[in-house]
Each structure stands twice: as C-alpha cells, then as structure tokens.
PDB file of N, CA and C in Angstrom:
ATOM      1  N   MET A   1       0.880  -1.184  -0.049  1.00  0.00           N
ATOM      2  CA  MET A   1      -0.106  -0.414   0.164  1.00  0.00           C
ATOM      3  C   MET A   1       0.954   1.082  -0.036  1.00  0.00           C
ATOM      4  N   ARG A   2       1.626   1.247   0.729  1.00  0.00           N
ATOM      5  CA  ARG A   2       2.324   2.301   0.739  1.00  0.00           C
ATOM      6  C   ARG A   2       3.352   2.627  -0.361  1.00  0.00           C
ATOM      7  N   MET A   3       4.004   1.515  -1.500  1.00  0.00           N
ATOM      8  CA  MET A   3       4.221   1.677  -2.689  1.00  0.00           C
ATOM      9  C   MET A   3       3.585   2.344  -3.357  1.00  0.00           C
ATOM     10  N   ILE A   4       2.116   2.208  -3.556  1.00  0.00           N
ATOM     11  CA  ILE A   4       0.741   2.773  -4.401  1.00  0.00           C
ATOM     12  C   ILE A   4       0.895   3.933  -4.097  1.00  0.00           C
ATOM     13  N   LEU A   5       1.042   4.257  -2.845  1.00  0.00           N
ATOM     14  CA  LEU A   5       0.962   5.775  -1.903  1.00  0.00           C
ATOM     15  C   LEU A   5       2.092   6.478  -2.768  1.00  0.00           C
ATOM     16  N   LYS A   6       3.152   5.910  -2.870  1.00  0.00           N
ATOM     17  CA  LYS A   6       4.053   6.859  -2.836  1.00  0.00           C
ATOM     18  C   LYS A   6       4.327   6.833  -4.422  1.00  0.00           C
ATOM     19  N   GLU A   7       3.662   5.774  -5.211  1.00  0.00           N
ATOM     20  CA  GLU A   7       3.843   6.203  -6.882  1.00  0.00           C
ATOM     21  C   GLU A   7       2.470   7.036  -6.758  1.00  0.00           C
ATOM     22  N   ALA A   8       1.517   7.155  -6.277  1.00  0.00           N
ATOM     23  CA  ALA A   8       0.314   8.106  -6.537  1.00  0.00           C
ATOM     24  C   ALA A   8       1.131   9.540  -6.133  1.00  0.00           C
ATOM     25  N   ILE A   9       1.991   9.513  -5.711  1.00  0.00           N
ATOM     26  CA  ILE A   9       2.550  11.216  -4.683  1.00  0.00           C
ATOM     27  C   ILE A   9       3.534  11.737  -6.215  1.00  0.00           C
ATOM     28  N   ASP A  10       4.346  10.610  -6.463  1.00  0.00           N
ATOM     29  CA  ASP A  10       5.481  10.922  -7.743  1.00  0.00           C
ATOM     30  C   ASP A  10       4.444  11.487  -9.010  1.00  0.00           C
ATOM     31  N   GLU A  11       3.233  11.154  -9.367  1.00  0.00           N
ATOM     32  CA  GLU A  11       2.495  11.304 -10.355  1.00  0.00           C
ATOM     33  C   GLU A  11       2.124  12.759 -10.054  1.00  0.00           C
ATOM     34  N   LEU A  12       1.670  12.990  -9.094  1.00  0.00           N
ATOM     35  CA  LEU A  12       1.483  14.463  -8.608  1.00  0.00           C
ATOM     36  C   LEU A  12       2.174  15.740  -9.632  1.00  0.00           C
ATOM     37  N   SER A  13       1.783  16.684  -9.526  1.00  0.00           N
ATOM     38  CA  SER A  13       2.435  17.554 -10.547  1.00  0.00           C
ATOM     39  C   SER A  13       3.346  17.959  -9.465  1.00  0.00           C
ATOM     40  N   GLU A  14       4.365  19.087  -9.553  1.00  0.00           N
ATOM     41  CA  GLU A  14       5.416  19.685  -8.879  1.00  0.00           C
ATOM     42  C   GLU A  14       5.206  20.437  -7.306  1.00  0.00           C
ATOM     43  N   ARG A  15       4.310  21.266  -8.325  1.00  0.00           N
ATOM     44  CA  ARG A  15       3.650  21.935  -7.295  1.00  0.00           C
ATOM     45  C   ARG A  15       2.964  21.555  -6.274  1.00  0.00           C
ATOM     46  N   GLU A  16       2.033  20.407  -6.543  1.00  0.00           N
ATOM     47  CA  GLU A  16       1.065  19.416  -5.739  1.00  0.00           C
ATOM     48  C   GLU A  16       1.727  18.744  -4.733  1.00  0.00           C
ATOM     49  N   ARG A  17       2.958  17.832  -5.369  1.00  0.00           N
ATOM     50  CA  ARG A  17       3.801  17.614  -4.366  1.00  0.00           C
ATOM     51  C   ARG A  17       4.609  18.055  -3.059  1.00  0.00           C
ATOM     52  N   LEU A  18       4.968  19.324  -3.424  1.00  0.00           N
ATOM     53  CA  LEU A  18       5.415  20.262  -2.821  1.00  0.00           C
ATOM     54  C   LEU A  18       3.892  21.222  -1.246  1.00  0.00           C
ATOM     55  N   VAL A  19       2.966  21.326  -2.157  1.00  0.00           N
ATOM     56  CA  VAL A  19       1.962  21.668  -0.949  1.00  0.00           C
ATOM     57  C   VAL A  19       1.676  20.164   0.066  1.00  0.00           C
ATOM     58  N   ILE A  20       1.626  19.262  -0.842  1.00  0.00           N
ATOM     59  CA  ILE A  20       1.446  18.268   0.496  1.00  0.00           C
ATOM     60  C   ILE A  20       2.611  17.840   1.202  1.00  0.00           C
ATOM     61  N   SER A  21       3.939  18.045   0.544  1.00  0.00           N
ATOM     62  CA  SER A  21       4.745  18.073   1.854  1.00  0.00           C
ATOM     63  C   SER A  21       4.989  19.110   2.886  1.00  0.00           C
ATOM     64  N   LEU A  22       4.742  20.205   2.139  1.00  0.00           N
ATOM     65  CA  LEU A  22       4.755  21.291   3.533  1.00  0.00           C
ATOM     66  C   LEU A  22       3.696  21.487   4.143  1.00  0.00           C
ATOM     67  N   TYR A  23       2.554  21.185   3.602  1.00  0.00           N
ATOM     68  CA  TYR A  23       1.228  20.723   4.631  1.00  0.00           C
ATOM     69  C   TYR A  23       1.470  19.644   6.017  1.00  0.00           C
ATOM     70  N   TYR A  24       1.896  18.062   5.297  1.00  0.00           N
ATOM     71  CA  TYR A  24       1.549  16.989   5.777  1.00  0.00           C
ATOM     72  C   TYR A  24       2.803  16.938   6.602  1.00  0.00           C
ATOM     73  N   TYR A  25       3.844  17.174   5.752  1.00  0.00           N
ATOM     74  CA  TYR A  25       4.950  16.334   6.603  1.00  0.00           C
ATOM     75  C   TYR A  25       5.987  17.817   7.467  1.00  0.00           C
ATOM     76  N   GLU A  26       5.734  18.876   6.985  1.00  0.00           N
ATOM     77  CA  GLU A  26       6.560  20.050   7.354  1.00  0.00           C
ATOM     78  C   GLU A  26       5.335  20.724   8.449  1.00  0.00           C
ATOM     79  N   ASN A  27       4.136  19.974   8.320  1.00  0.00           N
ATOM     80  CA  ASN A  27       3.153  20.734   9.274  1.00  0.00           C
ATOM     81  C   ASN A  27       2.881  22.093   9.112  1.00  0.00           C
ATOM     82  N   LEU A  28       3.287  23.142   7.750  1.00  0.00           N
ATOM     83  CA  LEU A  28       3.033  24.017   7.757  1.00  0.00           C
ATOM     84  C   LEU A  28       1.108  24.647   7.418  1.00  0.00           C
ATOM     85  N   ASN A  29       1.106  25.682   8.191  1.00  0.00           N
ATOM     86  CA  ASN A  29      -0.136  25.893   7.585  1.00  0.00           C
ATOM     87  C   ASN A  29      -0.757  26.776   6.521  1.00  0.00           C
ATOM     88  N   LEU A  30      -1.548  27.123   5.854  1.00  0.00           N
ATOM     89  CA  LEU A  30      -2.119  27.332   4.535  1.00  0.00           C
ATOM     90  C   LEU A  30      -1.716  28.671   4.294  1.00  0.00           C
ATOM     91  N   SER A  31      -1.623  29.306   5.125  1.00  0.00           N
ATOM     92  CA  SER A  31      -1.257  30.796   5.213  1.00  0.00           C
ATOM     93  C   SER A  31       0.657  30.811   5.027  1.00  0.00           C
ATOM     94  N   ASP A  32       1.452  30.218   5.720  1.00  0.00           N
ATOM     95  CA  ASP A  32       2.435  29.558   5.420  1.00  0.00           C
ATOM     96  C   ASP A  32       3.178  29.402   4.248  1.00  0.00           C
ATOM     97  N   ILE A  33       2.354  28.438   3.359  1.00  0.00           N
ATOM     98  CA  ILE A  33       2.464  28.117   2.379  1.00  0.00           C
ATOM     99  C   ILE A  33       2.241  28.572   1.069  1.00  0.00           C
ATOM    100  N   ALA A  34       0.904  29.767   1.386  1.00  0.00           N
ATOM    101  CA  ALA A  34       1.024  30.447   0.187  1.00  0.00           C
ATOM    102  C   ALA A  34       2.105  31.251   0.427  1.00  0.00           C
ATOM    103  N   LYS A  35       2.459  31.867   1.697  1.00  0.00           N
ATOM    104  CA  LYS A  35       3.484  32.865   1.019  1.00  0.00           C
ATOM    105  C   LYS A  35       5.011  32.440   0.920  1.00  0.00           C
ATOM    106  N   VAL A  36       5.204  30.934   1.163  1.00  0.00           N
ATOM    107  CA  VAL A  36       6.226  30.272  -0.015  1.00  0.00           C
ATOM    108  C   VAL A  36       6.462  30.237  -1.390  1.00  0.00           C
ATOM    109  N   LEU A  37       5.174  29.466  -1.339  1.00  0.00           N
ATOM    110  CA  LEU A  37       4.539  30.020  -3.013  1.00  0.00           C
ATOM    111  C   LEU A  37       4.104  31.062  -3.249  1.00  0.00           C
ATOM    112  N   ASP A  38       4.205  31.954  -2.608  1.00  0.00           N
ATOM    113  CA  ASP A  38       3.904  33.585  -3.362  1.00  0.00           C
ATOM    114  C   ASP A  38       2.059  33.382  -4.294  1.00  0.00           C
ATOM    115  N   VAL A  39       1.100  32.644  -3.347  1.00  0.00           N
ATOM    116  CA  VAL A  39      -0.092  32.646  -4.011  1.00  0.00           C
ATOM    117  C   VAL A  39      -1.230  32.742  -2.827  1.00  0.00           C
ATOM    118  N   SER A  40      -2.363  33.090  -3.146  1.00  0.00           N
ATOM    119  CA  SER A  40      -3.212  33.035  -2.461  1.00  0.00           C
ATOM    120  C   SER A  40      -3.764  31.689  -1.662  1.00  0.00           C
ATOM    121  N   ILE A  41      -3.871  32.053  -0.309  1.00  0.00           N
ATOM    122  CA  ILE A  41      -4.272  31.125   0.682  1.00  0.00           C
ATOM    123  C   ILE A  41      -5.532  30.271  -0.218  1.00  0.00           C
ATOM    124  N   GLN A  42      -6.295  30.671  -0.843  1.00  0.00           N
ATOM    125  CA  GLN A  42      -6.976  29.902  -1.591  1.00  0.00           C
ATOM    126  C   GLN A  42      -6.379  29.260  -2.387  1.00  0.00           C
ATOM    127  N   ARG A  43      -5.294  29.742  -2.905  1.00  0.00           N
ATOM    128  CA  ARG A  43      -5.043  29.232  -4.239  1.00  0.00           C
ATOM    129  C   ARG A  43      -4.454  27.677  -3.648  1.00  0.00           C
ATOM    130  N   VAL A  44      -3.732  28.044  -2.550  1.00  0.00           N
ATOM    131  CA  VAL A  44      -3.375  26.717  -1.840  1.00  0.00           C
ATOM    132  C   VAL A  44      -4.187  25.900  -1.617  1.00  0.00           C
ATOM    133  N   SER A  45      -5.006  26.282  -1.189  1.00  0.00           N
ATOM    134  CA  SER A  45      -6.181  25.592  -0.681  1.00  0.00           C
ATOM    135  C   SER A  45      -6.613  24.597  -2.056  1.00  0.00           C
ATOM    136  N   GLN A  46      -6.565  25.227  -3.095  1.00  0.00           N
ATOM    137  CA  GLN A  46      -7.502  24.659  -4.225  1.00  0.00           C
ATOM    138  C   GLN A  46      -6.416  23.190  -4.827  1.00  0.00           C
ATOM    139  N   ILE A  47      -4.998  23.529  -4.522  1.00  0.00           N
ATOM    140  CA  ILE A  47      -4.166  23.049  -5.170  1.00  0.00           C
ATOM    141  C   ILE A  47      -3.854  21.621  -3.825  1.00  0.00           C
ATOM    142  N   ASN A  48      -4.186  22.054  -2.816  1.00  0.00           N
ATOM    143  CA  ASN A  48      -4.108  20.990  -1.975  1.00  0.00           C
ATOM    144  C   ASN A  48      -5.219  19.971  -2.100  1.00  0.00           C
ATOM    145  N   THR A  49      -6.857  20.359  -2.109  1.00  0.00           N
ATOM    146  CA  THR A  49      -7.830  19.715  -2.612  1.00  0.00           C
ATOM    147  C   THR A  49      -7.490  18.972  -4.159  1.00  0.00           C
ATOM    148  N   LYS A  50      -7.097  19.308  -5.144  1.00  0.00           N
ATOM    149  CA  LYS A  50      -6.934  18.873  -6.371  1.00  0.00           C
ATOM    150  C   LYS A  50      -5.825  17.544  -6.037  1.00  0.00           C
ATOM    151  N   ALA A  51      -5.014  17.862  -5.057  1.00  0.00           N
ATOM    152  CA  ALA A  51      -4.109  16.784  -4.955  1.00  0.00           C
ATOM    153  C   ALA A  51      -4.250  15.714  -4.186  1.00  0.00           C
ATOM    154  N   ILE A  52      -5.104  16.264  -3.064  1.00  0.00           N
ATOM    155  CA  ILE A  52      -5.479  15.004  -2.564  1.00  0.00           C
ATOM    156  C   ILE A  52      -6.912  13.930  -2.929  1.00  0.00           C
ATOM    157  N   SER A  53      -7.542  14.862  -4.066  1.00  0.00           N
ATOM    158  CA  SER A  53      -8.398  14.020  -4.759  1.00  0.00           C
ATOM    159  C   SER A  53      -7.901  13.642  -5.199  1.00  0.00           C
ATOM    160  N   LYS A  54      -6.711  13.289  -6.133  1.00  0.00           N
ATOM    161  CA  LYS A  54      -6.030  12.696  -7.539  1.00  0.00           C
ATOM    162  C   LYS A  54      -5.691  11.181  -6.663  1.00  0.00           C
ATOM    163  N   LEU A  55      -4.944  11.516  -5.196  1.00  0.00           N
ATOM    164  CA  LEU A  55      -4.532  10.482  -4.432  1.00  0.00           C
ATOM    165  C   LEU A  55      -5.588   9.275  -3.859  1.00  0.00           C
ATOM    166  N   LYS A  56      -6.782  10.106  -3.850  1.00  0.00           N
ATOM    167  CA  LYS A  56      -7.910   9.217  -3.105  1.00  0.00           C
ATOM    168  C   LYS A  56      -8.164   8.393  -4.419  1.00  0.00           C
ATOM    169  N   GLU A  57      -8.348   9.014  -5.800  1.00  0.00           N
ATOM    170  CA  GLU A  57      -9.037   8.460  -6.641  1.00  0.00           C
ATOM    171  C   GLU A  57      -7.637   7.178  -7.295  1.00  0.00           C
ATOM    172  N   LYS A  58      -6.605   7.422  -7.113  1.00  0.00           N
ATOM    173  CA  LYS A  58      -5.507   6.143  -7.079  1.00  0.00           C
ATOM    174  C   LYS A  58      -5.415   5.286  -6.247  1.00  0.00           C
ATOM    175  N   MET A  59      -5.651   5.649  -4.911  1.00  0.00           N
ATOM    176  CA  MET A  59      -6.325   4.611  -4.117  1.00  0.00           C
ATOM    177  C   MET A  59      -7.109   3.653  -4.037  1.00  0.00           C
ATOM    178  N   ASN A  60      -8.191   4.572  -4.079  1.00  0.00           N
ATOM    179  CA  ASN A  60      -9.736   3.705  -4.321  1.00  0.00           C
ATOM    180  C   ASN A  60     -10.000   2.434  -4.544  1.00  0.00           C
ATOM    181  N   SER A  61      -9.094   2.414  -5.818  1.00  0.00           N
ATOM    182  CA  SER A  61      -8.855   0.381  -5.910  1.00  0.00           C
ATOM    183  C   SER A  61      -7.979  -0.172  -5.376  1.00  0.00           C
ATOM    184  N   TYR A  62      -7.567  -0.166  -4.543  1.00  0.00           N
ATOM    185  CA  TYR A  62      -6.681  -0.570  -3.716  1.00  0.00           C
ATOM    186  C   TYR A  62      -6.984  -1.048  -2.024  1.00  0.00           C
ATOM    187  N   ILE A  63      -8.075  -0.387  -1.720  1.00  0.00           N
ATOM    188  CA  ILE A  63      -8.530   0.187  -0.409  1.00  0.00           C
ATOM    189  C   ILE A  63      -9.625  -1.200  -0.430  1.00  0.00           C
ATOM    190  N   LYS A  64     -10.328  -0.930  -1.285  1.00  0.00           N
ATOM    191  CA  LYS A  64     -11.904  -1.813  -1.561  1.00  0.00           C
ATOM    192  C   LYS A  64     -11.662  -3.507  -1.267  1.00  0.00           C
TER     193      LYS A  64
END
C-alpha cells in the first residue's frame, strides 16, 4: 500500500507535491505555504484539494 501511495504522490505535479509535503510533512499551515509559493491561501487550498482528490482516486481501487 505504501508503494502505491508513493507512486501516486510521484504522479502529482511538482507544485502539488510541494503543497502536500509542506502541509502534511512539514506541518505548515495554508497561510505559510501561500507565502512560500507566493500565491493566495485560497490557491493553496485548491492545489491541496486537487492533490488529495488525485491521491484518493488512485488509492480507491486498492482500498476496496
């Protein structure tokens, strides 16, 4: 399962991977990530939502 998740993360865009990494591994909040990426908090939220959606889609077939 971890290998599948790693592959799914590798398939994300660079920006999506960065947001996931900063939010879930570095524990930065959306405001801090927005400053790092020089975008709005709303844009960071959109990127995060899209990335999580992609990961869920990829993992769905393995969870059942």
